[in-house]
Amino acid sequence: MLSSIKRLFCLLVTGLLIYAALQYGRPWFRYYLFKSDVTGMVRFPAQDAGTLKAEILEKAAKDHVPLSPENLSVSGRQWHFRAVASWSDSADIFGHYRRQFNFSFDENAEAP
């Protein structure tokens, strides 16, 4: 009987740890995925800086990245573009513990 209670307790603790890891890992996963996509967009831009900014904001909305137009700067012309962005995202565990993460990147690339 005591052995089964220990197993149940260990299973419960393991489940809570996995849940917490997933909650904290989600903002970081979105950051790395979004940054990778923006790097590709900057290296192979569509047309001009305005169009590129619109595409990046559209991608942010699609990936649930809380990026506002005020926190995104896109500059450049022809084959050389730069995108600078910053935003905050948070993780919440059962509504009791909330952690704020601040993300930023500066992608500066020349298209081949």
Protein backbone atom coordinates (compact mmCIF):
# COMPACT_ATOMS: atom_id res chain seq x y z
CA MET A 1 0.00 0.00 0.00
CA LEU A 2 2.78 2.47 0.92
CA SER A 3 4.65 1.58 -2.25
CA SER A 4 1.67 2.48 -4.44
CA ILE A 5 1.26 5.81 -2.63
CA LYS A 6 4.93 6.60 -3.27
CA ARG A 7 4.52 5.76 -6.95
CA LEU A 8 1.42 7.92 -7.20
CA PHE A 9 3.19 10.81 -5.47
CA CYS A 10 6.24 10.47 -7.76
CA LEU A 11 3.97 10.36 -10.80
CA LEU A 12 2.16 13.48 -9.62
CA VAL A 13 5.41 15.38 -9.02
CA THR A 14 6.77 14.28 -12.40
CA GLY A 15 3.57 15.43 -14.10
CA LEU A 16 3.78 18.83 -12.42
CA LEU A 17 7.42 19.23 -13.46
CA ILE A 18 6.59 18.35 -17.06
CA TYR A 19 3.68 20.81 -17.03
CA ALA A 20 5.90 23.60 -15.66
CA ALA A 21 8.61 22.86 -18.24
CA LEU A 22 6.07 23.02 -21.05
CA GLN A 23 4.63 26.29 -19.76
CA TYR A 24 8.07 27.91 -19.50
CA GLY A 25 9.33 26.39 -22.73
CA ARG A 26 6.46 27.64 -24.87
CA PRO A 27 7.55 31.35 -25.02
CA TRP A 28 11.13 30.33 -25.78
CA PHE A 29 9.99 27.97 -28.52
CA ARG A 30 7.91 30.76 -30.10
CA TYR A 31 10.91 33.10 -29.90
CA TYR A 32 13.33 30.73 -31.65
CA LEU A 33 10.80 29.73 -34.29
CA PHE A 34 9.82 33.35 -35.00
CA LYS A 35 13.44 34.55 -35.08
CA SER A 36 14.35 31.81 -37.54
CA ASP A 37 11.46 32.75 -39.82
CA VAL A 38 12.34 36.46 -39.67
CA THR A 39 15.97 35.67 -40.52
CA GLY A 40 14.77 33.97 -43.69
CA MET A 41 12.45 36.86 -44.50
CA VAL A 42 15.25 39.41 -44.08
CA ARG A 43 17.70 37.41 -46.22
CA PHE A 44 15.18 36.90 -49.00
CA PRO A 45 12.91 39.97 -48.84
CA ALA A 46 9.77 40.32 -50.93
CA GLN A 47 9.99 43.94 -52.10
CA ASP A 48 10.65 46.88 -49.81
CA ALA A 49 10.96 47.63 -46.08
CA GLY A 50 7.24 48.43 -45.68
CA THR A 51 6.16 45.15 -47.25
CA LEU A 52 8.71 43.23 -45.22
CA LYS A 53 7.46 44.83 -42.00
CA ALA A 54 3.88 43.89 -42.86
CA GLU A 55 4.94 40.29 -43.57
CA ILE A 56 6.83 40.07 -40.27
CA LEU A 57 3.83 41.41 -38.32
CA GLU A 58 1.56 38.95 -40.11
CA LYS A 59 3.91 36.09 -39.19
CA ALA A 60 3.99 37.30 -35.57
CA ALA A 61 0.19 37.24 -35.40
CA LYS A 62 0.08 33.78 -36.96
CA ASP A 63 2.67 32.42 -34.48
CA HIS A 64 1.00 34.13 -31.47
CA VAL A 65 4.02 36.36 -30.84
CA PRO A 66 2.82 39.53 -29.04
CA LEU A 67 4.76 41.94 -31.28
CA SER A 68 3.29 45.38 -31.86
CA PRO A 69 4.17 47.58 -34.87
CA GLU A 70 5.79 50.11 -32.53
CA ASN A 71 8.30 47.49 -31.36
CA LEU A 72 9.36 46.47 -34.86
CA SER A 73 11.72 48.45 -37.03
CA VAL A 74 12.55 47.38 -40.58
CA SER A 75 14.97 49.34 -42.71
CA GLY A 76 16.96 48.81 -45.85
CA ARG A 77 16.64 48.73 -49.57
CA GLN A 78 17.17 46.43 -52.50
CA TRP A 79 19.37 43.57 -51.18
CA HIS A 80 20.26 44.73 -47.67
CA PHE A 81 17.63 44.78 -44.91
CA ARG A 82 17.64 45.02 -41.14
CA ALA A 83 14.85 44.05 -38.72
CA VAL A 84 14.96 45.00 -35.04
CA ALA A 85 12.21 43.77 -32.72
CA SER A 86 11.47 43.47 -29.01
CA TRP A 87 8.49 42.15 -27.05
CA SER A 88 7.49 40.52 -23.79
CA ASP A 89 5.81 37.17 -23.31
CA SER A 90 4.79 35.38 -20.14
CA ALA A 91 4.35 31.93 -18.68
CA ASP A 92 1.73 31.14 -16.08
CA ILE A 93 1.55 28.10 -13.83
CA PHE A 94 -1.93 27.41 -12.48
CA GLY A 95 -2.54 31.16 -12.14
CA HIS A 96 -0.27 31.38 -9.07
CA TYR A 97 3.16 31.97 -10.51
CA ARG A 98 3.66 34.24 -13.50
CA ARG A 99 7.03 34.82 -15.15
CA GLN A 100 7.68 37.60 -17.68
CA PHE A 101 10.23 37.02 -20.46
CA ASN A 102 11.69 39.81 -22.57
CA PHE A 103 12.79 38.94 -26.09
CA SER A 104 14.60 40.93 -28.74
CA PHE A 105 16.62 40.42 -31.88
CA ASP A 106 18.49 42.42 -34.49
CA GLU A 107 18.67 40.69 -37.85
CA ASN A 108 20.94 42.33 -40.37
CA ALA A 109 21.42 40.41 -43.59
CA GLU A 110 22.35 40.78 -47.18
CA ALA A 111 20.51 38.67 -49.69
CA PRO A 112 22.75 36.54 -51.93
